């Protein structure tokens, strides 16, 4: 049975994005996808601005849409490029050595 994907929009989303941005800017967290620095002061048209990345895509696990443990900082460009593909966390290998 497929669950409906909750919308990632509205006041609730804006609040979560603002809090995630505040926390990650304070830490200086890099992009969880490319590991490069994020310009947390970048404007809304800058592809290198902060965005919230759902580590496990919402289309795969809609129940994790609002789980902050499933969120990471990413450049908007990297986030859009990844789309809904599954990507292992940075620093992991494709097989056990």
PDB file of N, CA and C in Angstrom:
ATOM      1  N   UNK A   1       0.834  -1.166   0.000  1.00  0.00           N
ATOM      2  CA  UNK A   1       0.000   0.000   0.000  1.00  0.00           C
ATOM      3  C   UNK A   1       0.891   1.247   0.000  1.00  0.00           C
ATOM      4  N   UNK A   2       0.674   2.143  -0.954  1.00  0.00           N
ATOM      5  CA  UNK A   2       1.468   3.370  -1.068  1.00  0.00           C
ATOM      6  C   UNK A   2       0.868   4.469  -0.208  1.00  0.00           C
ATOM      7  N   UNK A   3       1.717   5.097   0.592  1.00  0.00           N
ATOM      8  CA  UNK A   3       1.260   6.225   1.389  1.00  0.00           C
ATOM      9  C   UNK A   3       1.294   7.480   0.521  1.00  0.00           C
ATOM     10  N   UNK A   4       0.398   8.401   0.782  1.00  0.00           N
ATOM     11  CA  UNK A   4       0.451   9.681   0.093  1.00  0.00           C
ATOM     12  C   UNK A   4       1.625  10.482   0.637  1.00  0.00           C
ATOM     13  N   UNK A   5       2.301  11.187  -0.259  1.00  0.00           N
ATOM     14  CA  UNK A   5       3.412  12.030   0.147  1.00  0.00           C
ATOM     15  C   UNK A   5       2.850  13.341   0.677  1.00  0.00           C
ATOM     16  N   UNK A   6       3.121  13.654   1.942  1.00  0.00           N
ATOM     17  CA  UNK A   6       2.618  14.909   2.490  1.00  0.00           C
ATOM     18  C   UNK A   6       3.250  16.090   1.753  1.00  0.00           C
ATOM     19  N   UNK A   7       2.506  17.166   1.602  1.00  0.00           N
ATOM     20  CA  UNK A   7       3.088  18.320   0.920  1.00  0.00           C
ATOM     21  C   UNK A   7       4.231  18.923   1.725  1.00  0.00           C
ATOM     22  N   UNK A   8       5.289  19.318   1.041  1.00  0.00           N
ATOM     23  CA  UNK A   8       6.415  20.012   1.656  1.00  0.00           C
ATOM     24  C   UNK A   8       6.216  21.471   1.270  1.00  0.00           C
ATOM     25  N   UNK A   9       5.311  22.135   1.996  1.00  0.00           N
ATOM     26  CA  UNK A   9       4.919  23.498   1.656  1.00  0.00           C
ATOM     27  C   UNK A   9       4.266  24.164   2.857  1.00  0.00           C
ATOM     28  N   UNK A  10       3.998  25.426   2.706  1.00  0.00           N
ATOM     29  CA  UNK A  10       3.249  26.165   3.705  1.00  0.00           C
ATOM     30  C   UNK A  10       4.068  26.650   4.881  1.00  0.00           C
ATOM     31  N   UNK A  11       3.352  27.143   5.881  1.00  0.00           N
ATOM     32  CA  UNK A  11       3.984  27.735   7.060  1.00  0.00           C
ATOM     33  C   UNK A  11       4.813  26.718   7.834  1.00  0.00           C
ATOM     34  N   UNK A  12       4.329  25.480   7.896  1.00  0.00           N
ATOM     35  CA  UNK A  12       5.083  24.448   8.621  1.00  0.00           C
ATOM     36  C   UNK A  12       6.437  24.220   7.964  1.00  0.00           C
ATOM     37  N   UNK A  13       6.476  24.129   6.634  1.00  0.00           N
ATOM     38  CA  UNK A  13       7.724  23.932   5.917  1.00  0.00           C
ATOM     39  C   UNK A  13       8.648  25.130   6.119  1.00  0.00           C
ATOM     40  N   UNK A  14       8.110  26.327   6.022  1.00  0.00           N
ATOM     41  CA  UNK A  14       8.928  27.531   6.192  1.00  0.00           C
ATOM     42  C   UNK A  14       9.576  27.569   7.572  1.00  0.00           C
ATOM     43  N   UNK A  15       8.827  27.155   8.583  1.00  0.00           N
ATOM     44  CA  UNK A  15       9.359  27.131   9.949  1.00  0.00           C
ATOM     45  C   UNK A  15      10.488  26.104  10.074  1.00  0.00           C
ATOM     46  N   UNK A  16      10.286  24.918   9.524  1.00  0.00           N
ATOM     47  CA  UNK A  16      11.309  23.870   9.585  1.00  0.00           C
ATOM     48  C   UNK A  16      12.561  24.304   8.814  1.00  0.00           C
ATOM     49  N   UNK A  17      12.385  24.865   7.628  1.00  0.00           N
ATOM     50  CA  UNK A  17      13.529  25.316   6.820  1.00  0.00           C
ATOM     51  C   UNK A  17      14.309  26.393   7.568  1.00  0.00           C
ATOM     52  N   UNK A  18      13.605  27.350   8.153  1.00  0.00           N
ATOM     53  CA  UNK A  18      14.273  28.425   8.892  1.00  0.00           C
ATOM     54  C   UNK A  18      15.071  27.873  10.072  1.00  0.00           C
ATOM     55  N   UNK A  19      14.511  26.927  10.792  1.00  0.00           N
ATOM     56  CA  UNK A  19      15.217  26.341  11.943  1.00  0.00           C
ATOM     57  C   UNK A  19      16.417  25.516  11.487  1.00  0.00           C
ATOM     58  N   UNK A  20      16.248  24.724  10.434  1.00  0.00           N
ATOM     59  CA  UNK A  20      17.368  23.938   9.906  1.00  0.00           C
ATOM     60  C   UNK A  20      18.487  24.868   9.423  1.00  0.00           C
ATOM     61  N   UNK A  21      18.118  25.928   8.728  1.00  0.00           N
ATOM     62  CA  UNK A  21      19.110  26.888   8.233  1.00  0.00           C
ATOM     63  C   UNK A  21      19.867  27.525   9.394  1.00  0.00           C
ATOM     64  N   UNK A  22      19.143  27.929  10.428  1.00  0.00           N
ATOM     65  CA  UNK A  22      19.770  28.542  11.605  1.00  0.00           C
ATOM     66  C   UNK A  22      20.774  27.592  12.249  1.00  0.00           C
ATOM     67  N   UNK A  23      20.357  26.348  12.448  1.00  0.00           N
ATOM     68  CA  UNK A  23      21.231  25.365  13.102  1.00  0.00           C
ATOM     69  C   UNK A  23      22.473  25.073  12.261  1.00  0.00           C
ATOM     70  N   UNK A  24      22.272  24.847  10.964  1.00  0.00           N
ATOM     71  CA  UNK A  24      23.411  24.473  10.117  1.00  0.00           C
ATOM     72  C   UNK A  24      24.329  25.661   9.837  1.00  0.00           C
ATOM     73  N   UNK A  25      23.785  26.862   9.746  1.00  0.00           N
ATOM     74  CA  UNK A  25      24.621  28.050   9.565  1.00  0.00           C
ATOM     75  C   UNK A  25      25.499  28.256  10.794  1.00  0.00           C
ATOM     76  N   UNK A  26      24.915  28.044  11.972  1.00  0.00           N
ATOM     77  CA  UNK A  26      25.666  28.184  13.226  1.00  0.00           C
ATOM     78  C   UNK A  26      26.846  27.211  13.262  1.00  0.00           C
ATOM     79  N   UNK A  27      26.628  25.991  12.782  1.00  0.00           N
ATOM     80  CA  UNK A  27      27.675  24.958  12.759  1.00  0.00           C
ATOM     81  C   UNK A  27      28.623  25.107  11.573  1.00  0.00           C
ATOM     82  N   UNK A  28      28.190  25.852  10.552  1.00  0.00           N
ATOM     83  CA  UNK A  28      28.985  25.944   9.323  1.00  0.00           C
ATOM     84  C   UNK A  28      28.960  24.637   8.547  1.00  0.00           C
ATOM     85  N   UNK A  29      27.841  23.942   8.608  1.00  0.00           N
ATOM     86  CA  UNK A  29      27.716  22.634   7.962  1.00  0.00           C
ATOM     87  C   UNK A  29      27.877  22.740   6.443  1.00  0.00           C
ATOM     88  N   UNK A  30      28.640  21.823   5.854  1.00  0.00           N
ATOM     89  CA  UNK A  30      28.759  21.792   4.393  1.00  0.00           C
ATOM     90  C   UNK A  30      27.556  21.074   3.771  1.00  0.00           C
ATOM     91  N   UNK A  31      27.477  21.112   2.473  1.00  0.00           N
ATOM     92  CA  UNK A  31      26.432  20.402   1.727  1.00  0.00           C
ATOM     93  C   UNK A  31      26.575  18.900   1.992  1.00  0.00           C
ATOM     94  N   UNK A  32      25.492  18.257   2.351  1.00  0.00           N
ATOM     95  CA  UNK A  32      25.544  16.820   2.645  1.00  0.00           C
ATOM     96  C   UNK A  32      25.700  15.984   1.370  1.00  0.00           C
ATOM     97  N   UNK A  33      25.566  16.602   0.208  1.00  0.00           N
ATOM     98  CA  UNK A  33      25.688  15.866  -1.049  1.00  0.00           C
ATOM     99  C   UNK A  33      27.063  16.024  -1.694  1.00  0.00           C
ATOM    100  N   UNK A  34      27.603  17.254  -1.713  1.00  0.00           N
ATOM    101  CA  UNK A  34      28.901  17.466  -2.371  1.00  0.00           C
ATOM    102  C   UNK A  34      30.026  17.794  -1.395  1.00  0.00           C
ATOM    103  N   UNK A  35      29.689  18.016  -0.141  1.00  0.00           N
ATOM    104  CA  UNK A  35      30.637  18.324   0.931  1.00  0.00           C
ATOM    105  C   UNK A  35      31.335  19.677   0.791  1.00  0.00           C
ATOM    106  N   UNK A  36      30.835  20.542  -0.086  1.00  0.00           N
ATOM    107  CA  UNK A  36      31.404  21.886  -0.246  1.00  0.00           C
ATOM    108  C   UNK A  36      30.656  22.866   0.658  1.00  0.00           C
ATOM    109  N   UNK A  37      31.300  23.999   1.003  1.00  0.00           N
ATOM    110  CA  UNK A  37      30.638  24.981   1.867  1.00  0.00           C
ATOM    111  C   UNK A  37      29.346  25.528   1.243  1.00  0.00           C
ATOM    112  N   UNK A  38      28.420  25.887   2.099  1.00  0.00           N
ATOM    113  CA  UNK A  38      27.158  26.504   1.688  1.00  0.00           C
ATOM    114  C   UNK A  38      27.213  27.978   2.064  1.00  0.00           C
ATOM    115  N   UNK A  39      26.780  28.850   1.156  1.00  0.00           N
ATOM    116  CA  UNK A  39      26.667  30.272   1.456  1.00  0.00           C
ATOM    117  C   UNK A  39      25.297  30.494   2.086  1.00  0.00           C
ATOM    118  N   UNK A  40      25.256  30.514   3.412  1.00  0.00           N
ATOM    119  CA  UNK A  40      23.993  30.635   4.136  1.00  0.00           C
ATOM    120  C   UNK A  40      23.359  32.014   3.994  1.00  0.00           C
ATOM    121  N   UNK A  41      24.120  32.992   3.474  1.00  0.00           N
ATOM    122  CA  UNK A  41      23.582  34.337   3.265  1.00  0.00           C
ATOM    123  C   UNK A  41      23.152  34.560   1.813  1.00  0.00           C
ATOM    124  N   UNK A  42      23.292  33.553   0.974  1.00  0.00           N
ATOM    125  CA  UNK A  42      22.964  33.684  -0.449  1.00  0.00           C
ATOM    126  C   UNK A  42      21.488  34.002  -0.648  1.00  0.00           C
ATOM    127  N   UNK A  43      21.218  34.751  -1.695  1.00  0.00           N
ATOM    128  CA  UNK A  43      19.848  35.157  -2.006  1.00  0.00           C
ATOM    129  C   UNK A  43      19.024  34.039  -2.613  1.00  0.00           C
ATOM    130  N   UNK A  44      17.738  34.290  -2.802  1.00  0.00           N
ATOM    131  CA  UNK A  44      16.812  33.253  -3.272  1.00  0.00           C
ATOM    132  C   UNK A  44      17.060  32.781  -4.707  1.00  0.00           C
ATOM    133  N   UNK A  45      17.816  33.529  -5.500  1.00  0.00           N
ATOM    134  CA  UNK A  45      18.089  33.122  -6.879  1.00  0.00           C
ATOM    135  C   UNK A  45      19.441  32.426  -7.037  1.00  0.00           C
ATOM    136  N   UNK A  46      20.195  32.321  -5.964  1.00  0.00           N
ATOM    137  CA  UNK A  46      21.531  31.727  -6.016  1.00  0.00           C
ATOM    138  C   UNK A  46      21.424  30.200  -5.920  1.00  0.00           C
ATOM    139  N   UNK A  47      21.925  29.454  -6.914  1.00  0.00           N
ATOM    140  CA  UNK A  47      21.832  27.991  -6.861  1.00  0.00           C
ATOM    141  C   UNK A  47      22.673  27.368  -5.738  1.00  0.00           C
ATOM    142  N   UNK A  48      23.567  28.157  -5.149  1.00  0.00           N
ATOM    143  CA  UNK A  48      24.411  27.648  -4.067  1.00  0.00           C
ATOM    144  C   UNK A  48      23.829  27.972  -2.692  1.00  0.00           C
ATOM    145  N   UNK A  49      22.582  28.461  -2.668  1.00  0.00           N
ATOM    146  CA  UNK A  49      21.946  28.793  -1.395  1.00  0.00           C
ATOM    147  C   UNK A  49      21.578  27.515  -0.630  1.00  0.00           C
ATOM    148  N   UNK A  50      21.258  27.688   0.624  1.00  0.00           N
ATOM    149  CA  UNK A  50      20.853  26.585   1.491  1.00  0.00           C
ATOM    150  C   UNK A  50      19.496  26.029   1.080  1.00  0.00           C
ATOM    151  N   UNK A  51      19.381  24.720   1.161  1.00  0.00           N
ATOM    152  CA  UNK A  51      18.082  24.055   1.049  1.00  0.00           C
ATOM    153  C   UNK A  51      18.096  22.852   1.975  1.00  0.00           C
ATOM    154  N   UNK A  52      16.923  22.378   2.299  1.00  0.00           N
ATOM    155  CA  UNK A  52      16.797  21.178   3.130  1.00  0.00           C
ATOM    156  C   UNK A  52      16.739  19.965   2.206  1.00  0.00           C
ATOM    157  N   UNK A  53      17.661  19.051   2.415  1.00  0.00           N
ATOM    158  CA  UNK A  53      17.709  17.794   1.663  1.00  0.00           C
ATOM    159  C   UNK A  53      17.068  16.703   2.509  1.00  0.00           C
ATOM    160  N   UNK A  54      16.111  15.992   1.944  1.00  0.00           N
ATOM    161  CA  UNK A  54      15.564  14.809   2.609  1.00  0.00           C
ATOM    162  C   UNK A  54      16.495  13.653   2.249  1.00  0.00           C
ATOM    163  N   UNK A  55      17.222  13.154   3.227  1.00  0.00           N
ATOM    164  CA  UNK A  55      18.227  12.114   3.001  1.00  0.00           C
ATOM    165  C   UNK A  55      17.587  10.905   2.318  1.00  0.00           C
ATOM    166  N   UNK A  56      16.506  10.421   2.880  1.00  0.00           N
ATOM    167  CA  UNK A  56      15.711   9.393   2.212  1.00  0.00           C
ATOM    168  C   UNK A  56      14.554  10.151   1.567  1.00  0.00           C
ATOM    169  N   UNK A  57      14.474  10.084   0.254  1.00  0.00           N
ATOM    170  CA  UNK A  57      13.508  10.880  -0.497  1.00  0.00           C
ATOM    171  C   UNK A  57      12.078  10.710   0.027  1.00  0.00           C
ATOM    172  N   UNK A  58      11.347  11.799  -0.002  1.00  0.00           N
ATOM    173  CA  UNK A  58       9.953  11.777   0.454  1.00  0.00           C
ATOM    174  C   UNK A  58       9.114  10.817  -0.374  1.00  0.00           C
ATOM    175  N   UNK A  59       9.468  10.634  -1.643  1.00  0.00           N
ATOM    176  CA  UNK A  59       8.705   9.710  -2.484  1.00  0.00           C
ATOM    177  C   UNK A  59       8.914   8.257  -2.064  1.00  0.00           C
ATOM    178  N   UNK A  60      10.027   7.983  -1.415  1.00  0.00           N
ATOM    179  CA  UNK A  60      10.334   6.628  -0.952  1.00  0.00           C
ATOM    180  C   UNK A  60       9.785   6.391   0.458  1.00  0.00           C
ATOM    181  N   UNK A  61       9.960   7.376   1.336  1.00  0.00           N
ATOM    182  CA  UNK A  61       9.495   7.274   2.726  1.00  0.00           C
ATOM    183  C   UNK A  61       8.731   8.534   3.114  1.00  0.00           C
ATOM    184  N   UNK A  62       7.484   8.658   2.657  1.00  0.00           N
ATOM    185  CA  UNK A  62       6.710   9.857   2.970  1.00  0.00           C
ATOM    186  C   UNK A  62       6.513  10.083   4.465  1.00  0.00           C
ATOM    187  N   UNK A  63       6.588   9.006   5.241  1.00  0.00           N
ATOM    188  CA  UNK A  63       6.421   9.130   6.690  1.00  0.00           C
ATOM    189  C   UNK A  63       7.577   9.893   7.337  1.00  0.00           C
ATOM    190  N   UNK A  64       8.685  10.073   6.618  1.00  0.00           N
ATOM    191  CA  UNK A  64       9.844  10.787   7.161  1.00  0.00           C
ATOM    192  C   UNK A  64       9.901  12.253   6.716  1.00  0.00           C
ATOM    193  N   UNK A  65       8.866  12.721   6.035  1.00  0.00           N
ATOM    194  CA  UNK A  65       8.862  14.092   5.513  1.00  0.00           C
ATOM    195  C   UNK A  65       9.193  15.117   6.585  1.00  0.00           C
ATOM    196  N   UNK A  66       8.621  14.994   7.761  1.00  0.00           N
ATOM    197  CA  UNK A  66       8.805  16.004   8.811  1.00  0.00           C
ATOM    198  C   UNK A  66       9.793  15.567   9.892  1.00  0.00           C
ATOM    199  N   UNK A  67      10.482  14.457   9.683  1.00  0.00           N
ATOM    200  CA  UNK A  67      11.467  13.957  10.648  1.00  0.00           C
ATOM    201  C   UNK A  67      12.788  14.683  10.431  1.00  0.00           C
ATOM    202  N   UNK A  68      13.183  15.509  11.373  1.00  0.00           N
ATOM    203  CA  UNK A  68      14.405  16.304  11.199  1.00  0.00           C
ATOM    204  C   UNK A  68      15.660  15.438  11.150  1.00  0.00           C
ATOM    205  N   UNK A  69      15.596  14.209  11.647  1.00  0.00           N
ATOM    206  CA  UNK A  69      16.736  13.299  11.539  1.00  0.00           C
ATOM    207  C   UNK A  69      16.951  12.856  10.096  1.00  0.00           C
ATOM    208  N   UNK A  70      15.960  13.059   9.244  1.00  0.00           N
ATOM    209  CA  UNK A  70      16.054  12.700   7.831  1.00  0.00           C
ATOM    210  C   UNK A  70      16.363  13.933   6.972  1.00  0.00           C
ATOM    211  N   UNK A  71      16.795  15.011   7.589  1.00  0.00           N
ATOM    212  CA  UNK A  71      17.077  16.248   6.864  1.00  0.00           C
ATOM    213  C   UNK A  71      18.543  16.609   6.986  1.00  0.00           C
ATOM    214  N   UNK A  72      19.077  17.157   5.915  1.00  0.00           N
ATOM    215  CA  UNK A  72      20.451  17.621   5.928  1.00  0.00           C
ATOM    216  C   UNK A  72      20.576  18.892   5.108  1.00  0.00           C
ATOM    217  N   UNK A  73      21.662  19.639   5.309  1.00  0.00           N
ATOM    218  CA  UNK A  73      21.872  20.860   4.552  1.00  0.00           C
ATOM    219  C   UNK A  73      22.410  20.539   3.164  1.00  0.00           C
ATOM    220  N   UNK A  74      21.908  21.241   2.160  1.00  0.00           N
ATOM    221  CA  UNK A  74      22.395  21.021   0.795  1.00  0.00           C
ATOM    222  C   UNK A  74      22.277  22.309  -0.004  1.00  0.00           C
ATOM    223  N   UNK A  75      23.139  22.419  -1.010  1.00  0.00           N
ATOM    224  CA  UNK A  75      22.960  23.504  -1.983  1.00  0.00           C
ATOM    225  C   UNK A  75      21.671  23.224  -2.738  1.00  0.00           C
ATOM    226  N   UNK A  76      20.967  24.252  -3.126  1.00  0.00           N
ATOM    227  CA  UNK A  76      19.756  24.060  -3.922  1.00  0.00           C
ATOM    228  C   UNK A  76      20.096  23.320  -5.217  1.00  0.00           C
ATOM    229  N   UNK A  77      21.229  23.666  -5.827  1.00  0.00           N
ATOM    230  CA  UNK A  77      21.651  23.014  -7.075  1.00  0.00           C
ATOM    231  C   UNK A  77      21.843  21.513  -6.870  1.00  0.00           C
ATOM    232  N   UNK A  78      22.525  21.135  -5.813  1.00  0.00           N
ATOM    233  CA  UNK A  78      22.776  19.717  -5.530  1.00  0.00           C
ATOM    234  C   UNK A  78      21.466  18.991  -5.223  1.00  0.00           C
ATOM    235  N   UNK A  79      20.611  19.627  -4.468  1.00  0.00           N
ATOM    236  CA  UNK A  79      19.329  19.042  -4.081  1.00  0.00           C
ATOM    237  C   UNK A  79      18.483  18.757  -5.323  1.00  0.00           C
ATOM    238  N   UNK A  80      18.404  19.738  -6.218  1.00  0.00           N
ATOM    239  CA  UNK A  80      17.617  19.545  -7.441  1.00  0.00           C
ATOM    240  C   UNK A  80      18.244  18.496  -8.351  1.00  0.00           C
ATOM    241  N   UNK A  81      19.565  18.490  -8.424  1.00  0.00           N
ATOM    242  CA  UNK A  81      20.265  17.521  -9.285  1.00  0.00           C
ATOM    243  C   UNK A  81      20.023  16.095  -8.796  1.00  0.00           C
ATOM    244  N   UNK A  82      20.041  15.905  -7.499  1.00  0.00           N
ATOM    245  CA  UNK A  82      19.831  14.565  -6.943  1.00  0.00           C
ATOM    246  C   UNK A  82      18.412  14.080  -7.204  1.00  0.00           C
ATOM    247  N   UNK A  83      17.449  14.952  -7.076  1.00  0.00           N
ATOM    248  CA  UNK A  83      16.061  14.542  -7.269  1.00  0.00           C
ATOM    249  C   UNK A  83      15.659  13.499  -6.248  1.00  0.00           C
ATOM    250  N   UNK A  84      15.038  12.416  -6.693  1.00  0.00           N
ATOM    251  CA  UNK A  84      14.570  11.374  -5.769  1.00  0.00           C
ATOM    252  C   UNK A  84      15.468  10.146  -5.765  1.00  0.00           C
ATOM    253  N   UNK A  85      16.623  10.250  -6.415  1.00  0.00           N
ATOM    254  CA  UNK A  85      17.554   9.113  -6.408  1.00  0.00           C
ATOM    255  C   UNK A  85      18.103   8.891  -5.004  1.00  0.00           C
ATOM    256  N   UNK A  86      18.343   7.647  -4.685  1.00  0.00           N
ATOM    257  CA  UNK A  86      18.931   7.297  -3.394  1.00  0.00           C
ATOM    258  C   UNK A  86      20.434   7.453  -3.509  1.00  0.00           C
ATOM    259  N   UNK A  87      21.020   8.146  -2.566  1.00  0.00           N
ATOM    260  CA  UNK A  87      22.459   8.355  -2.551  1.00  0.00           C
ATOM    261  C   UNK A  87      22.968   8.001  -1.166  1.00  0.00           C
ATOM    262  N   UNK A  88      24.036   7.198  -1.074  1.00  0.00           N
ATOM    263  CA  UNK A  88      24.569   6.895   0.247  1.00  0.00           C
ATOM    264  C   UNK A  88      25.162   8.150   0.877  1.00  0.00           C
ATOM    265  N   UNK A  89      25.182   8.226   2.204  1.00  0.00           N
ATOM    266  CA  UNK A  89      25.786   9.393   2.852  1.00  0.00           C
ATOM    267  C   UNK A  89      27.238   9.555   2.423  1.00  0.00           C
ATOM    268  N   UNK A  90      27.708  10.787   2.384  1.00  0.00           N
ATOM    269  CA  UNK A  90      29.094  11.061   2.002  1.00  0.00           C
ATOM    270  C   UNK A  90      30.042  10.306   2.925  1.00  0.00           C
ATOM    271  N   UNK A  91      31.103   9.785   2.364  1.00  0.00           N
ATOM    272  CA  UNK A  91      32.087   9.068   3.145  1.00  0.00           C
ATOM    273  C   UNK A  91      31.836   7.579   3.245  1.00  0.00           C
ATOM    274  N   UNK A  92      30.771   7.066   2.652  1.00  0.00           N
ATOM    275  CA  UNK A  92      30.518   5.648   2.696  1.00  0.00           C
ATOM    276  C   UNK A  92      31.016   5.011   1.389  1.00  0.00           C
ATOM    277  N   UNK A  93      31.293   3.749   1.448  1.00  0.00           N
ATOM    278  CA  UNK A  93      31.736   3.036   0.253  1.00  0.00           C
ATOM    279  C   UNK A  93      30.612   2.186  -0.281  1.00  0.00           C
ATOM    280  N   UNK A  94      30.739   1.782  -1.523  1.00  0.00           N
ATOM    281  CA  UNK A  94      29.685   0.995  -2.129  1.00  0.00           C
ATOM    282  C   UNK A  94      29.700  -0.457  -1.687  1.00  0.00           C
ATOM    283  N   UNK A  95      30.758  -0.881  -1.068  1.00  0.00           N
ATOM    284  CA  UNK A  95      30.817  -2.245  -0.542  1.00  0.00           C
ATOM    285  C   UNK A  95      31.744  -2.280   0.661  1.00  0.00           C
ATOM    286  N   UNK A  96      31.634  -3.319   1.442  1.00  0.00           N
ATOM    287  CA  UNK A  96      32.498  -3.477   2.605  1.00  0.00           C
ATOM    288  C   UNK A  96      33.882  -3.927   2.145  1.00  0.00           C
ATOM    289  N   UNK A  97      34.908  -3.303   2.676  1.00  0.00           N
ATOM    290  CA  UNK A  97      36.285  -3.660   2.292  1.00  0.00           C
ATOM    291  C   UNK A  97      36.844  -4.610   3.289  1.00  0.00           C
TER     292      UNK A  97
END
